[in-house]
Amino acid sequence: MKLSTTVRGAITRFSYKLALGHPYLNGVEYKDLFTEGEGSAVEQCYAIFANVLEIDEAGTVLNGLEAERRATDYLREYCSETDGSAGLEDWMYEIHEANYPWDGPMP
């Protein structure tokens, strides 16, 4: 089973916005996280996005902008080194394991 086109679209649109300069992150210096070895912050950002994202039975995304907002709240908090003012709940931070090797051979 593949992800629905709306889920794939939500992921690619979020990635595109992060790469260009997400409007929810105006004034936040976050792009170095993607190039300066801060992979854990990027991984956490995408985990929050995926955990918050909701879809219906047909695979249609129900809250894409909310998932973006929560993930960017995390990045804003991470970059400003605040103490949790983003108000994220514990379940949003969960990072789930992939069921394939991280360093396996490239196809």
PDB file of N, CA and C in Angstrom:
ATOM      1  N   MET A   1       0.828  -1.173   0.000  1.00  0.00           N
ATOM      2  CA  MET A   1       0.000   0.000   0.000  1.00  0.00           C
ATOM      3  C   MET A   1       0.879   1.245   0.000  1.00  0.00           C
ATOM      4  N   LYS A   2       0.598   2.158  -0.866  1.00  0.00           N
ATOM      5  CA  LYS A   2       1.354   3.400  -0.940  1.00  0.00           C
ATOM      6  C   LYS A   2       0.639   4.507  -0.184  1.00  0.00           C
ATOM      7  N   LEU A   3       1.399   5.517   0.178  1.00  0.00           N
ATOM      8  CA  LEU A   3       0.785   6.707   0.751  1.00  0.00           C
ATOM      9  C   LEU A   3      -0.112   7.345  -0.297  1.00  0.00           C
ATOM     10  N   SER A   4      -1.180   7.960   0.148  1.00  0.00           N
ATOM     11  CA  SER A   4      -2.069   8.639  -0.789  1.00  0.00           C
ATOM     12  C   SER A   4      -1.349   9.836  -1.406  1.00  0.00           C
ATOM     13  N   THR A   5      -1.888  10.303  -2.513  1.00  0.00           N
ATOM     14  CA  THR A   5      -1.266  11.460  -3.168  1.00  0.00           C
ATOM     15  C   THR A   5      -1.334  12.702  -2.291  1.00  0.00           C
ATOM     16  N   THR A   6      -2.377  12.838  -1.465  1.00  0.00           N
ATOM     17  CA  THR A   6      -2.435  14.023  -0.603  1.00  0.00           C
ATOM     18  C   THR A   6      -1.411  13.946   0.522  1.00  0.00           C
ATOM     19  N   VAL A   7      -1.124  12.763   1.028  1.00  0.00           N
ATOM     20  CA  VAL A   7      -0.080  12.623   2.047  1.00  0.00           C
ATOM     21  C   VAL A   7       1.278  12.914   1.411  1.00  0.00           C
ATOM     22  N   ARG A   8       1.527  12.331   0.248  1.00  0.00           N
ATOM     23  CA  ARG A   8       2.793  12.609  -0.443  1.00  0.00           C
ATOM     24  C   ARG A   8       2.917  14.100  -0.739  1.00  0.00           C
ATOM     25  N   GLY A   9       1.814  14.724  -1.152  1.00  0.00           N
ATOM     26  CA  GLY A   9       1.826  16.156  -1.425  1.00  0.00           C
ATOM     27  C   GLY A   9       2.113  16.988  -0.184  1.00  0.00           C
ATOM     28  N   ALA A  10       1.536  16.586   0.956  1.00  0.00           N
ATOM     29  CA  ALA A  10       1.783  17.315   2.206  1.00  0.00           C
ATOM     30  C   ALA A  10       3.247  17.234   2.604  1.00  0.00           C
ATOM     31  N   ILE A  11       3.849  16.069   2.445  1.00  0.00           N
ATOM     32  CA  ILE A  11       5.259  15.892   2.793  1.00  0.00           C
ATOM     33  C   ILE A  11       6.150  16.710   1.862  1.00  0.00           C
ATOM     34  N   THR A  12       5.900  16.634   0.569  1.00  0.00           N
ATOM     35  CA  THR A  12       6.756  17.370  -0.366  1.00  0.00           C
ATOM     36  C   THR A  12       6.563  18.873  -0.238  1.00  0.00           C
ATOM     37  N   ARG A  13       5.321  19.322   0.001  1.00  0.00           N
ATOM     38  CA  ARG A  13       5.102  20.764   0.166  1.00  0.00           C
ATOM     39  C   ARG A  13       5.803  21.277   1.421  1.00  0.00           C
ATOM     40  N   PHE A  14       5.716  20.523   2.511  1.00  0.00           N
ATOM     41  CA  PHE A  14       6.398  20.907   3.750  1.00  0.00           C
ATOM     42  C   PHE A  14       7.904  20.980   3.524  1.00  0.00           C
ATOM     43  N   SER A  15       8.453  19.983   2.846  1.00  0.00           N
ATOM     44  CA  SER A  15       9.889  19.971   2.557  1.00  0.00           C
ATOM     45  C   SER A  15      10.287  21.160   1.696  1.00  0.00           C
ATOM     46  N   TYR A  16       9.497  21.457   0.698  1.00  0.00           N
ATOM     47  CA  TYR A  16       9.752  22.592  -0.192  1.00  0.00           C
ATOM     48  C   TYR A  16       9.748  23.902   0.596  1.00  0.00           C
ATOM     49  N   LYS A  17       8.758  24.073   1.453  1.00  0.00           N
ATOM     50  CA  LYS A  17       8.691  25.295   2.250  1.00  0.00           C
ATOM     51  C   LYS A  17       9.887  25.412   3.185  1.00  0.00           C
ATOM     52  N   LEU A  18      10.296  24.299   3.807  1.00  0.00           N
ATOM     53  CA  LEU A  18      11.463  24.339   4.686  1.00  0.00           C
ATOM     54  C   LEU A  18      12.723  24.717   3.913  1.00  0.00           C
ATOM     55  N   ALA A  19      12.858  24.179   2.716  1.00  0.00           N
ATOM     56  CA  ALA A  19      14.050  24.457   1.911  1.00  0.00           C
ATOM     57  C   ALA A  19      14.118  25.925   1.480  1.00  0.00           C
ATOM     58  N   LEU A  20      12.975  26.494   1.147  1.00  0.00           N
ATOM     59  CA  LEU A  20      12.954  27.881   0.663  1.00  0.00           C
ATOM     60  C   LEU A  20      12.934  28.916   1.771  1.00  0.00           C
ATOM     61  N   GLY A  21      12.365  28.570   2.892  1.00  0.00           N
ATOM     62  CA  GLY A  21      12.175  29.505   3.989  1.00  0.00           C
ATOM     63  C   GLY A  21      10.712  29.488   4.384  1.00  0.00           C
ATOM     64  N   HIS A  22      10.384  28.639   5.320  1.00  0.00           N
ATOM     65  CA  HIS A  22       8.981  28.454   5.697  1.00  0.00           C
ATOM     66  C   HIS A  22       8.425  29.750   6.282  1.00  0.00           C
ATOM     67  N   PRO A  23       7.245  30.174   5.819  1.00  0.00           N
ATOM     68  CA  PRO A  23       6.673  31.426   6.332  1.00  0.00           C
ATOM     69  C   PRO A  23       6.406  31.397   7.839  1.00  0.00           C
ATOM     70  N   TYR A  24       6.194  30.224   8.428  1.00  0.00           N
ATOM     71  CA  TYR A  24       5.995  30.140   9.872  1.00  0.00           C
ATOM     72  C   TYR A  24       7.300  30.363  10.636  1.00  0.00           C
ATOM     73  N   LEU A  25       8.414  30.375   9.911  1.00  0.00           N
ATOM     74  CA  LEU A  25       9.727  30.524  10.551  1.00  0.00           C
ATOM     75  C   LEU A  25      10.420  31.823  10.167  1.00  0.00           C
ATOM     76  N   ASN A  26       9.655  32.829   9.782  1.00  0.00           N
ATOM     77  CA  ASN A  26      10.254  34.125   9.457  1.00  0.00           C
ATOM     78  C   ASN A  26      11.067  34.628  10.643  1.00  0.00           C
ATOM     79  N   GLY A  27      12.308  35.029  10.356  1.00  0.00           N
ATOM     80  CA  GLY A  27      13.184  35.552  11.400  1.00  0.00           C
ATOM     81  C   GLY A  27      13.926  34.503  12.194  1.00  0.00           C
ATOM     82  N   VAL A  28      13.690  33.229  11.916  1.00  0.00           N
ATOM     83  CA  VAL A  28      14.372  32.143  12.635  1.00  0.00           C
ATOM     84  C   VAL A  28      15.466  31.595  11.744  1.00  0.00           C
ATOM     85  N   GLU A  29      16.676  31.552  12.264  1.00  0.00           N
ATOM     86  CA  GLU A  29      17.808  30.995  11.526  1.00  0.00           C
ATOM     87  C   GLU A  29      17.830  29.485  11.752  1.00  0.00           C
ATOM     88  N   TYR A  30      17.259  28.744  10.817  1.00  0.00           N
ATOM     89  CA  TYR A  30      17.151  27.298  10.999  1.00  0.00           C
ATOM     90  C   TYR A  30      17.790  26.499   9.877  1.00  0.00           C
ATOM     91  N   LYS A  31      18.075  27.108   8.744  1.00  0.00           N
ATOM     92  CA  LYS A  31      18.527  26.338   7.584  1.00  0.00           C
ATOM     93  C   LYS A  31      19.866  25.645   7.806  1.00  0.00           C
ATOM     94  N   ASP A  32      20.703  26.183   8.680  1.00  0.00           N
ATOM     95  CA  ASP A  32      21.973  25.521   8.968  1.00  0.00           C
ATOM     96  C   ASP A  32      21.781  24.157   9.622  1.00  0.00           C
ATOM     97  N   LEU A  33      20.633  23.929  10.227  1.00  0.00           N
ATOM     98  CA  LEU A  33      20.363  22.618  10.826  1.00  0.00           C
ATOM     99  C   LEU A  33      20.432  21.514   9.785  1.00  0.00           C
ATOM    100  N   PHE A  34      20.114  21.858   8.542  1.00  0.00           N
ATOM    101  CA  PHE A  34      20.091  20.868   7.466  1.00  0.00           C
ATOM    102  C   PHE A  34      21.474  20.588   6.891  1.00  0.00           C
ATOM    103  N   THR A  35      22.435  21.456   7.172  1.00  0.00           N
ATOM    104  CA  THR A  35      23.757  21.295   6.567  1.00  0.00           C
ATOM    105  C   THR A  35      24.894  21.220   7.573  1.00  0.00           C
ATOM    106  N   GLU A  36      24.652  21.538   8.818  1.00  0.00           N
ATOM    107  CA  GLU A  36      25.723  21.620   9.808  1.00  0.00           C
ATOM    108  C   GLU A  36      25.727  20.457  10.793  1.00  0.00           C
ATOM    109  N   GLY A  37      25.191  19.314  10.397  1.00  0.00           N
ATOM    110  CA  GLY A  37      25.250  18.139  11.254  1.00  0.00           C
ATOM    111  C   GLY A  37      24.239  18.121  12.382  1.00  0.00           C
ATOM    112  N   GLU A  38      23.162  18.867  12.266  1.00  0.00           N
ATOM    113  CA  GLU A  38      22.110  18.875  13.278  1.00  0.00           C
ATOM    114  C   GLU A  38      20.962  17.967  12.842  1.00  0.00           C
ATOM    115  N   GLY A  39      21.308  16.806  12.346  1.00  0.00           N
ATOM    116  CA  GLY A  39      20.300  15.892  11.820  1.00  0.00           C
ATOM    117  C   GLY A  39      19.228  15.511  12.816  1.00  0.00           C
ATOM    118  N   SER A  40      19.558  15.473  14.098  1.00  0.00           N
ATOM    119  CA  SER A  40      18.553  15.076  15.080  1.00  0.00           C
ATOM    120  C   SER A  40      17.418  16.096  15.154  1.00  0.00           C
ATOM    121  N   ALA A  41      17.717  17.373  14.987  1.00  0.00           N
ATOM    122  CA  ALA A  41      16.672  18.401  14.998  1.00  0.00           C
ATOM    123  C   ALA A  41      15.788  18.272  13.764  1.00  0.00           C
ATOM    124  N   VAL A  42      16.390  17.967  12.634  1.00  0.00           N
ATOM    125  CA  VAL A  42      15.624  17.782  11.401  1.00  0.00           C
ATOM    126  C   VAL A  42      14.760  16.537  11.523  1.00  0.00           C
ATOM    127  N   GLU A  43      15.336  15.454  12.034  1.00  0.00           N
ATOM    128  CA  GLU A  43      14.568  14.221  12.239  1.00  0.00           C
ATOM    129  C   GLU A  43      13.386  14.481  13.166  1.00  0.00           C
ATOM    130  N   GLN A  44      13.614  15.216  14.247  1.00  0.00           N
ATOM    131  CA  GLN A  44      12.548  15.514  15.192  1.00  0.00           C
ATOM    132  C   GLN A  44      11.459  16.360  14.551  1.00  0.00           C
ATOM    133  N   CYS A  45      11.841  17.314  13.730  1.00  0.00           N
ATOM    134  CA  CYS A  45      10.884  18.162  13.018  1.00  0.00           C
ATOM    135  C   CYS A  45       9.959  17.313  12.150  1.00  0.00           C
ATOM    136  N   TYR A  46      10.528  16.416  11.373  1.00  0.00           N
ATOM    137  CA  TYR A  46       9.719  15.562  10.508  1.00  0.00           C
ATOM    138  C   TYR A  46       8.896  14.554  11.313  1.00  0.00           C
ATOM    139  N   ALA A  47       9.427  14.078  12.441  1.00  0.00           N
ATOM    140  CA  ALA A  47       8.651  13.172  13.292  1.00  0.00           C
ATOM    141  C   ALA A  47       7.414  13.887  13.818  1.00  0.00           C
ATOM    142  N   ILE A  48       7.565  15.118  14.261  1.00  0.00           N
ATOM    143  CA  ILE A  48       6.415  15.881  14.756  1.00  0.00           C
ATOM    144  C   ILE A  48       5.410  16.086  13.634  1.00  0.00           C
ATOM    145  N   PHE A  49       5.898  16.465  12.455  1.00  0.00           N
ATOM    146  CA  PHE A  49       5.009  16.647  11.312  1.00  0.00           C
ATOM    147  C   PHE A  49       4.209  15.371  11.049  1.00  0.00           C
ATOM    148  N   ALA A  50       4.894  14.234  10.994  1.00  0.00           N
ATOM    149  CA  ALA A  50       4.226  12.961  10.689  1.00  0.00           C
ATOM    150  C   ALA A  50       3.287  12.529  11.813  1.00  0.00           C
ATOM    151  N   ASN A  51       3.668  12.762  13.064  1.00  0.00           N
ATOM    152  CA  ASN A  51       2.825  12.363  14.189  1.00  0.00           C
ATOM    153  C   ASN A  51       1.543  13.188  14.267  1.00  0.00           C
ATOM    154  N   VAL A  52       1.612  14.454  13.902  1.00  0.00           N
ATOM    155  CA  VAL A  52       0.449  15.332  13.991  1.00  0.00           C
ATOM    156  C   VAL A  52      -0.457  15.177  12.770  1.00  0.00           C
ATOM    157  N   LEU A  53       0.119  14.825  11.629  1.00  0.00           N
ATOM    158  CA  LEU A  53      -0.650  14.715  10.398  1.00  0.00           C
ATOM    159  C   LEU A  53      -1.782  13.692  10.544  1.00  0.00           C
ATOM    160  N   GLU A  54      -2.981  14.092  10.169  1.00  0.00           N
ATOM    161  CA  GLU A  54      -4.139  13.203  10.227  1.00  0.00           C
ATOM    162  C   GLU A  54      -4.699  12.999   8.827  1.00  0.00           C
ATOM    163  N   ILE A  55      -5.163  11.783   8.581  1.00  0.00           N
ATOM    164  CA  ILE A  55      -5.791  11.472   7.297  1.00  0.00           C
ATOM    165  C   ILE A  55      -7.105  10.752   7.562  1.00  0.00           C
ATOM    166  N   ASP A  56      -8.007  10.836   6.597  1.00  0.00           N
ATOM    167  CA  ASP A  56      -9.265  10.112   6.737  1.00  0.00           C
ATOM    168  C   ASP A  56      -9.130   8.726   6.105  1.00  0.00           C
ATOM    169  N   GLU A  57     -10.225   7.989   6.062  1.00  0.00           N
ATOM    170  CA  GLU A  57     -10.210   6.615   5.553  1.00  0.00           C
ATOM    171  C   GLU A  57      -9.790   6.530   4.090  1.00  0.00           C
ATOM    172  N   ALA A  58     -10.014   7.592   3.343  1.00  0.00           N
ATOM    173  CA  ALA A  58      -9.644   7.616   1.928  1.00  0.00           C
ATOM    174  C   ALA A  58      -8.203   8.068   1.717  1.00  0.00           C
ATOM    175  N   GLY A  59      -7.506   8.430   2.799  1.00  0.00           N
ATOM    176  CA  GLY A  59      -6.122   8.879   2.686  1.00  0.00           C
ATOM    177  C   GLY A  59      -5.979  10.368   2.459  1.00  0.00           C
ATOM    178  N   THR A  60      -7.066  11.120   2.605  1.00  0.00           N
ATOM    179  CA  THR A  60      -7.029  12.567   2.409  1.00  0.00           C
ATOM    180  C   THR A  60      -6.502  13.243   3.668  1.00  0.00           C
ATOM    181  N   VAL A  61      -5.552  14.147   3.492  1.00  0.00           N
ATOM    182  CA  VAL A  61      -4.989  14.885   4.618  1.00  0.00           C
ATOM    183  C   VAL A  61      -6.045  15.830   5.177  1.00  0.00           C
ATOM    184  N   LEU A  62      -6.178  15.805   6.491  1.00  0.00           N
ATOM    185  CA  LEU A  62      -7.181  16.631   7.156  1.00  0.00           C
ATOM    186  C   LEU A  62      -6.600  17.878   7.819  1.00  0.00           C
ATOM    187  N   ASN A  63      -5.320  17.860   8.157  1.00  0.00           N
ATOM    188  CA  ASN A  63      -4.749  18.954   8.946  1.00  0.00           C
ATOM    189  C   ASN A  63      -3.300  19.274   8.575  1.00  0.00           C
ATOM    190  N   GLY A  64      -3.018  19.371   7.308  1.00  0.00           N
ATOM    191  CA  GLY A  64      -1.645  19.600   6.862  1.00  0.00           C
ATOM    192  C   GLY A  64      -1.015  20.859   7.437  1.00  0.00           C
ATOM    193  N   LEU A  65      -1.759  21.956   7.459  1.00  0.00           N
ATOM    194  CA  LEU A  65      -1.196  23.203   7.986  1.00  0.00           C
ATOM    195  C   LEU A  65      -0.950  23.122   9.487  1.00  0.00           C
ATOM    196  N   GLU A  66      -1.804  22.407  10.209  1.00  0.00           N
ATOM    197  CA  GLU A  66      -1.593  22.211  11.641  1.00  0.00           C
ATOM    198  C   GLU A  66      -0.331  21.385  11.877  1.00  0.00           C
ATOM    199  N   ALA A  67      -0.112  20.343  11.083  1.00  0.00           N
ATOM    200  CA  ALA A  67       1.107  19.542  11.213  1.00  0.00           C
ATOM    201  C   ALA A  67       2.340  20.399  10.932  1.00  0.00           C
ATOM    202  N   GLU A  68       2.262  21.252   9.918  1.00  0.00           N
ATOM    203  CA  GLU A  68       3.371  22.170   9.622  1.00  0.00           C
ATOM    204  C   GLU A  68       3.601  23.123  10.784  1.00  0.00           C
ATOM    205  N   ARG A  69       2.524  23.659  11.339  1.00  0.00           N
ATOM    206  CA  ARG A  69       2.662  24.630  12.423  1.00  0.00           C
ATOM    207  C   ARG A  69       3.334  23.997  13.633  1.00  0.00           C
ATOM    208  N   ARG A  70       2.926  22.779  13.984  1.00  0.00           N
ATOM    209  CA  ARG A  70       3.523  22.128  15.151  1.00  0.00           C
ATOM    210  C   ARG A  70       4.995  21.804  14.919  1.00  0.00           C
ATOM    211  N   ALA A  71       5.327  21.335  13.720  1.00  0.00           N
ATOM    212  CA  ALA A  71       6.724  21.023  13.413  1.00  0.00           C
ATOM    213  C   ALA A  71       7.581  22.281  13.406  1.00  0.00           C
ATOM    214  N   THR A  72       7.055  23.367  12.857  1.00  0.00           N
ATOM    215  CA  THR A  72       7.827  24.621  12.838  1.00  0.00           C
ATOM    216  C   THR A  72       7.882  25.257  14.224  1.00  0.00           C
ATOM    217  N   ASP A  73       6.863  25.029  15.053  1.00  0.00           N
ATOM    218  CA  ASP A  73       6.944  25.474  16.453  1.00  0.00           C
ATOM    219  C   ASP A  73       8.153  24.837  17.125  1.00  0.00           C
ATOM    220  N   TYR A  74       8.347  23.548  16.855  1.00  0.00           N
ATOM    221  CA  TYR A  74       9.502  22.852  17.422  1.00  0.00           C
ATOM    222  C   TYR A  74      10.809  23.477  16.935  1.00  0.00           C
ATOM    223  N   LEU A  75      10.922  23.711  15.622  1.00  0.00           N
ATOM    224  CA  LEU A  75      12.166  24.292  15.101  1.00  0.00           C
ATOM    225  C   LEU A  75      12.415  25.676  15.685  1.00  0.00           C
ATOM    226  N   ARG A  76      11.380  26.480  15.798  1.00  0.00           N
ATOM    227  CA  ARG A  76      11.535  27.811  16.389  1.00  0.00           C
ATOM    228  C   ARG A  76      12.051  27.693  17.820  1.00  0.00           C
ATOM    229  N   GLU A  77      11.453  26.785  18.584  1.00  0.00           N
ATOM    230  CA  GLU A  77      11.870  26.573  19.965  1.00  0.00           C
ATOM    231  C   GLU A  77      13.301  26.045  20.024  1.00  0.00           C
ATOM    232  N   TYR A  78      13.627  25.099  19.170  1.00  0.00           N
ATOM    233  CA  TYR A  78      14.971  24.515  19.149  1.00  0.00           C
ATOM    234  C   TYR A  78      16.024  25.582  18.839  1.00  0.00           C
ATOM    235  N   CYS A  79      15.737  26.407  17.856  1.00  0.00           N
ATOM    236  CA  CYS A  79      16.711  27.420  17.431  1.00  0.00           C
ATOM    237  C   CYS A  79      16.843  28.564  18.431  1.00  0.00           C
ATOM    238  N   SER A  80      15.809  28.816  19.207  1.00  0.00           N
ATOM    239  CA  SER A  80      15.883  29.894  20.190  1.00  0.00           C
ATOM    240  C   SER A  80      16.261  29.379  21.571  1.00  0.00           C
ATOM    241  N   GLU A  81      16.400  28.057  21.688  1.00  0.00           N
ATOM    242  CA  GLU A  81      16.800  27.402  22.935  1.00  0.00           C
ATOM    243  C   GLU A  81      15.892  27.802  24.093  1.00  0.00           C
ATOM    244  N   THR A  82      14.585  27.797  23.836  1.00  0.00           N
ATOM    245  CA  THR A  82      13.627  28.093  24.899  1.00  0.00           C
ATOM    246  C   THR A  82      13.275  26.819  25.654  1.00  0.00           C
ATOM    247  N   ASP A  83      12.428  26.938  26.626  1.00  0.00           N
ATOM    248  CA  ASP A  83      12.183  25.838  27.547  1.00  0.00           C
ATOM    249  C   ASP A  83      10.846  25.135  27.361  1.00  0.00           C
ATOM    250  N   GLY A  84      10.308  25.113  26.189  1.00  0.00           N
ATOM    251  CA  GLY A  84       9.075  24.389  25.970  1.00  0.00           C
ATOM    252  C   GLY A  84       7.866  25.263  25.754  1.00  0.00           C
ATOM    253  N   SER A  85       8.068  26.480  25.363  1.00  0.00           N
ATOM    254  CA  SER A  85       6.945  27.386  25.181  1.00  0.00           C
ATOM    255  C   SER A  85       6.095  27.036  23.965  1.00  0.00           C
ATOM    256  N   ALA A  86       6.562  26.108  23.125  1.00  0.00           N
ATOM    257  CA  ALA A  86       5.789  25.723  21.941  1.00  0.00           C
ATOM    258  C   ALA A  86       4.543  24.929  22.332  1.00  0.00           C
ATOM    259  N   GLY A  87       4.512  24.379  23.509  1.00  0.00           N
ATOM    260  CA  GLY A  87       3.335  23.668  23.984  1.00  0.00           C
ATOM    261  C   GLY A  87       3.080  22.343  23.291  1.00  0.00           C
ATOM    262  N   LEU A  88       4.115  21.679  22.828  1.00  0.00           N
ATOM    263  CA  LEU A  88       3.941  20.390  22.182  1.00  0.00           C
ATOM    264  C   LEU A  88       3.710  19.302  23.225  1.00  0.00           C
ATOM    265  N   GLU A  89       2.888  18.339  22.872  1.00  0.00           N
ATOM    266  CA  GLU A  89       2.608  17.228  23.768  1.00  0.00           C
ATOM    267  C   GLU A  89       3.621  16.113  23.548  1.00  0.00           C
ATOM    268  N   ASP A  90       3.818  15.290  24.569  1.00  0.00           N
ATOM    269  CA  ASP A  90       4.840  14.238  24.512  1.00  0.00           C
ATOM    270  C   ASP A  90       4.693  13.331  23.303  1.00  0.00           C
ATOM    271  N   TRP A  91       3.465  12.934  22.956  1.00  0.00           N
ATOM    272  CA  TRP A  91       3.260  12.003  21.847  1.00  0.00           C
ATOM    273  C   TRP A  91       3.725  12.600  20.510  1.00  0.00           C
ATOM    274  N   MET A  92       3.772  13.908  20.417  1.00  0.00           N
ATOM    275  CA  MET A  92       4.198  14.544  19.172  1.00  0.00           C
ATOM    276  C   MET A  92       5.685  14.329  18.914  1.00  0.00           C
ATOM    277  N   TYR A  93       6.458  14.128  19.970  1.00  0.00           N
ATOM    278  CA  TYR A  93       7.912  13.976  19.854  1.00  0.00           C
ATOM    279  C   TYR A  93       8.360  12.557  19.498  1.00  0.00           C
ATOM    280  N   GLU A  94       7.462  11.595  19.525  1.00  0.00           N
ATOM    281  CA  GLU A  94       7.856  10.196  19.318  1.00  0.00           C
ATOM    282  C   GLU A  94       8.513   9.995  17.962  1.00  0.00           C
ATOM    283  N   ILE A  95       9.661   9.342  17.990  1.00  0.00           N
ATOM    284  CA  ILE A  95      10.357   8.978  16.753  1.00  0.00           C
ATOM    285  C   ILE A  95      10.212   7.473  16.595  1.00  0.00           C
ATOM    286  N   HIS A  96       9.626   7.074  15.488  1.00  0.00           N
ATOM    287  CA  HIS A  96       9.350   5.661  15.245  1.00  0.00           C
ATOM    288  C   HIS A  96      10.460   5.074  14.387  1.00  0.00           C
ATOM    289  N   GLU A  97      10.802   3.834  14.689  1.00  0.00           N
ATOM    290  CA  GLU A  97      11.874   3.154  13.974  1.00  0.00           C
ATOM    291  C   GLU A  97      11.439   2.765  12.565  1.00  0.00           C
ATOM    292  N   ALA A  98      12.361   2.851  11.649  1.00  0.00           N
ATOM    293  CA  ALA A  98      12.125   2.349  10.294  1.00  0.00           C
ATOM    294  C   ALA A  98      12.325   0.836  10.311  1.00  0.00           C
ATOM    295  N   ASN A  99      11.677   0.141   9.413  1.00  0.00           N
ATOM    296  CA  ASN A  99      11.829  -1.325   9.391  1.00  0.00           C
ATOM    297  C   ASN A  99      12.790  -1.774   8.303  1.00  0.00           C
ATOM    298  N   TYR A 100      13.742  -0.924   7.982  1.00  0.00           N
ATOM    299  CA  TYR A 100      14.788  -1.267   7.026  1.00  0.00           C
ATOM    300  C   TYR A 100      16.087  -0.662   7.533  1.00  0.00           C
ATOM    301  N   PRO A 101      17.247  -1.207   7.122  1.00  0.00           N
ATOM    302  CA  PRO A 101      18.522  -0.711   7.654  1.00  0.00           C
ATOM    303  C   PRO A 101      18.826   0.715   7.191  1.00  0.00           C
ATOM    304  N   TRP A 102      19.385   1.504   8.089  1.00  0.00           N
ATOM    305  CA  TRP A 102      19.750   2.896   7.767  1.00  0.00           C
ATOM    306  C   TRP A 102      20.925   2.954   6.803  1.00  0.00           C
ATOM    307  N   ASP A 103      21.874   2.074   6.982  1.00  0.00           N
ATOM    308  CA  ASP A 103      23.098   2.157   6.189  1.00  0.00           C
ATOM    309  C   ASP A 103      23.221   1.023   5.181  1.00  0.00           C
ATOM    310  N   GLY A 104      22.084   0.535   4.713  1.00  0.00           N
ATOM    311  CA  GLY A 104      22.113  -0.543   3.740  1.00  0.00           C
ATOM    312  C   GLY A 104      22.584  -0.056   2.386  1.00  0.00           C
ATOM    313  N   PRO A 105      22.804  -0.992   1.484  1.00  0.00           N
ATOM    314  CA  PRO A 105      23.271  -0.611   0.150  1.00  0.00           C
ATOM    315  C   PRO A 105      22.205   0.178  -0.612  1.00  0.00           C
ATOM    316  N   MET A 106      22.655   1.109  -1.389  1.00  0.00           N
ATOM    317  CA  MET A 106      21.742   1.894  -2.219  1.00  0.00           C
ATOM    318  C   MET A 106      21.315   1.045  -3.404  1.00  0.00           C
ATOM    319  N   PRO A 107      20.037   1.081  -3.740  1.00  0.00           N
ATOM    320  CA  PRO A 107      19.569   0.264  -4.872  1.00  0.00           C
ATOM    321  C   PRO A 107      20.095   0.803  -6.195  1.00  0.00           C
TER     322      PRO A 107
END
